[in-house]
Amino acid sequence: MSNINVRIDSDVKKNAEAVFAGLGITPTAAISLFYNQVIRTNSIPFELKANIPNKETLLALNEVDEMEKKPEKYKGYNNINNLIEDLLK
């Protein structure tokens, strides 16, 4: 037997262990399952891909770029009350 020591975000650990408990397995069993699947498939047993923004996100990113290039075309606020006032108009 071997030991594995890893550092992982506390929330990720807590949430994953809740899933494991719901499945009736221990974290050790889950990690063993993962390792065995890696061996069986000779790969990572899930799809790895870049996080590609969807159409709506791309439009928002382009809008931010435009605002940064031409800030004079857009209204800014230094006071939250002024922003709320304009939103309620």
C-alpha atoms as a PDB file:
ATOM      1  CA  MET A   1       0.000   0.000   0.000  1.00  0.00           C
ATOM      2  CA  SER A   2       1.076   3.589  -0.654  1.00  0.00           C
ATOM      3  CA  ASN A   3       0.016   6.960   0.669  1.00  0.00           C
ATOM      4  CA  ILE A   4      -0.819  10.029  -1.403  1.00  0.00           C
ATOM      5  CA  ASN A   5      -0.713  13.497   0.137  1.00  0.00           C
ATOM      6  CA  VAL A   6      -2.432  16.275  -1.789  1.00  0.00           C
ATOM      7  CA  ARG A   7      -3.466  19.830  -1.047  1.00  0.00           C
ATOM      8  CA  ILE A   8      -6.963  20.740  -2.207  1.00  0.00           C
ATOM      9  CA  ASP A   9      -9.370  23.596  -1.611  1.00  0.00           C
ATOM     10  CA  SER A  10     -11.395  22.976   1.569  1.00  0.00           C
ATOM     11  CA  ASP A  11     -14.752  23.584  -0.146  1.00  0.00           C
ATOM     12  CA  VAL A  12     -13.893  21.211  -2.989  1.00  0.00           C
ATOM     13  CA  LYS A  13     -12.944  18.529  -0.462  1.00  0.00           C
ATOM     14  CA  LYS A  14     -16.114  19.039   1.593  1.00  0.00           C
ATOM     15  CA  ASN A  15     -18.416  19.012  -1.447  1.00  0.00           C
ATOM     16  CA  ALA A  16     -16.742  15.979  -3.033  1.00  0.00           C
ATOM     17  CA  GLU A  17     -16.863  14.041   0.233  1.00  0.00           C
ATOM     18  CA  ALA A  18     -20.595  14.765   0.482  1.00  0.00           C
ATOM     19  CA  VAL A  19     -21.034  13.192  -2.963  1.00  0.00           C
ATOM     20  CA  PHE A  20     -18.895  10.208  -1.964  1.00  0.00           C
ATOM     21  CA  ALA A  21     -20.978   9.726   1.180  1.00  0.00           C
ATOM     22  CA  GLY A  22     -24.151   9.809  -0.903  1.00  0.00           C
ATOM     23  CA  LEU A  23     -22.668   7.088  -3.089  1.00  0.00           C
ATOM     24  CA  GLY A  24     -21.641   5.079  -0.045  1.00  0.00           C
ATOM     25  CA  ILE A  25     -17.910   5.224  -0.736  1.00  0.00           C
ATOM     26  CA  THR A  26     -14.958   6.722   1.082  1.00  0.00           C
ATOM     27  CA  PRO A  27     -12.605   9.339  -0.375  1.00  0.00           C
ATOM     28  CA  THR A  28      -9.938   6.625  -0.494  1.00  0.00           C
ATOM     29  CA  ALA A  29     -12.237   4.378  -2.528  1.00  0.00           C
ATOM     30  CA  ALA A  30     -13.060   7.273  -4.882  1.00  0.00           C
ATOM     31  CA  ILE A  31      -9.377   7.996  -5.491  1.00  0.00           C
ATOM     32  CA  SER A  32      -8.706   4.276  -6.040  1.00  0.00           C
ATOM     33  CA  LEU A  33     -11.556   4.160  -8.568  1.00  0.00           C
ATOM     34  CA  PHE A  34     -10.080   7.157 -10.372  1.00  0.00           C
ATOM     35  CA  TYR A  35      -6.581   5.597 -10.497  1.00  0.00           C
ATOM     36  CA  ASN A  36      -7.945   2.257 -11.708  1.00  0.00           C
ATOM     37  CA  GLN A  37      -9.915   3.986 -14.458  1.00  0.00           C
ATOM     38  CA  VAL A  38      -6.758   5.847 -15.533  1.00  0.00           C
ATOM     39  CA  ILE A  39      -4.993   2.490 -15.809  1.00  0.00           C
ATOM     40  CA  ARG A  40      -7.885   0.841 -17.695  1.00  0.00           C
ATOM     41  CA  THR A  41      -8.277   3.656 -20.230  1.00  0.00           C
ATOM     42  CA  ASN A  42      -4.652   4.807 -20.297  1.00  0.00           C
ATOM     43  CA  SER A  43      -6.047   8.329 -20.076  1.00  0.00           C
ATOM     44  CA  ILE A  44      -7.787  10.787 -17.796  1.00  0.00           C
ATOM     45  CA  PRO A  45     -11.301   9.309 -17.469  1.00  0.00           C
ATOM     46  CA  PHE A  46     -13.113  12.526 -18.327  1.00  0.00           C
ATOM     47  CA  GLU A  47     -12.901  15.157 -21.028  1.00  0.00           C
ATOM     48  CA  LEU A  48     -10.359  17.928 -20.545  1.00  0.00           C
ATOM     49  CA  LYS A  49     -10.915  21.044 -22.606  1.00  0.00           C
ATOM     50  CA  ALA A  50     -10.302  24.751 -22.480  1.00  0.00           C
ATOM     51  CA  ASN A  51     -13.016  26.888 -20.950  1.00  0.00           C
ATOM     52  CA  ILE A  52     -14.341  28.534 -24.100  1.00  0.00           C
ATOM     53  CA  PRO A  53     -16.728  31.431 -23.468  1.00  0.00           C
ATOM     54  CA  ASN A  54     -20.225  31.154 -24.920  1.00  0.00           C
ATOM     55  CA  LYS A  55     -21.708  33.703 -27.353  1.00  0.00           C
ATOM     56  CA  GLU A  56     -23.207  35.881 -24.604  1.00  0.00           C
ATOM     57  CA  THR A  57     -19.914  36.020 -22.690  1.00  0.00           C
ATOM     58  CA  LEU A  58     -17.971  36.862 -25.865  1.00  0.00           C
ATOM     59  CA  LEU A  59     -20.368  39.731 -26.564  1.00  0.00           C
ATOM     60  CA  ALA A  60     -19.900  41.032 -23.005  1.00  0.00           C
ATOM     61  CA  LEU A  61     -16.099  40.790 -23.309  1.00  0.00           C
ATOM     62  CA  ASN A  62     -16.200  42.666 -26.607  1.00  0.00           C
ATOM     63  CA  GLU A  63     -18.387  45.320 -24.999  1.00  0.00           C
ATOM     64  CA  VAL A  64     -15.851  45.782 -22.204  1.00  0.00           C
ATOM     65  CA  ASP A  65     -13.048  46.104 -24.761  1.00  0.00           C
ATOM     66  CA  GLU A  66     -15.045  48.775 -26.592  1.00  0.00           C
ATOM     67  CA  MET A  67     -15.722  50.637 -23.344  1.00  0.00           C
ATOM     68  CA  GLU A  68     -12.023  50.597 -22.468  1.00  0.00           C
ATOM     69  CA  LYS A  69     -11.070  51.908 -25.915  1.00  0.00           C
ATOM     70  CA  LYS A  70     -13.660  54.723 -25.911  1.00  0.00           C
ATOM     71  CA  PRO A  71     -14.563  55.534 -22.294  1.00  0.00           C
ATOM     72  CA  GLU A  72     -15.883  58.959 -23.286  1.00  0.00           C
ATOM     73  CA  LYS A  73     -18.851  57.258 -24.989  1.00  0.00           C
ATOM     74  CA  TYR A  74     -20.012  55.663 -21.736  1.00  0.00           C
ATOM     75  CA  LYS A  75     -21.333  57.077 -18.506  1.00  0.00           C
ATOM     76  CA  GLY A  76     -19.539  56.160 -15.298  1.00  0.00           C
ATOM     77  CA  TYR A  77     -20.523  56.559 -11.673  1.00  0.00           C
ATOM     78  CA  ASN A  78     -18.586  57.559  -8.568  1.00  0.00           C
ATOM     79  CA  ASN A  79     -21.666  57.384  -6.363  1.00  0.00           C
ATOM     80  CA  ILE A  80     -23.973  54.396  -5.947  1.00  0.00           C
ATOM     81  CA  ASN A  81     -26.989  56.611  -5.352  1.00  0.00           C
ATOM     82  CA  ASN A  82     -26.530  58.265  -8.755  1.00  0.00           C
ATOM     83  CA  LEU A  83     -26.313  54.842 -10.387  1.00  0.00           C
ATOM     84  CA  ILE A  84     -29.502  53.644  -8.665  1.00  0.00           C
ATOM     85  CA  GLU A  85     -31.260  56.865  -9.586  1.00  0.00           C
ATOM     86  CA  ASP A  86     -30.413  56.382 -13.267  1.00  0.00           C
ATOM     87  CA  LEU A  87     -31.427  52.708 -13.157  1.00  0.00           C
ATOM     88  CA  LEU A  88     -34.847  53.620 -11.788  1.00  0.00           C
ATOM     89  CA  LYS A  89     -35.550  56.138 -14.563  1.00  0.00           C
END
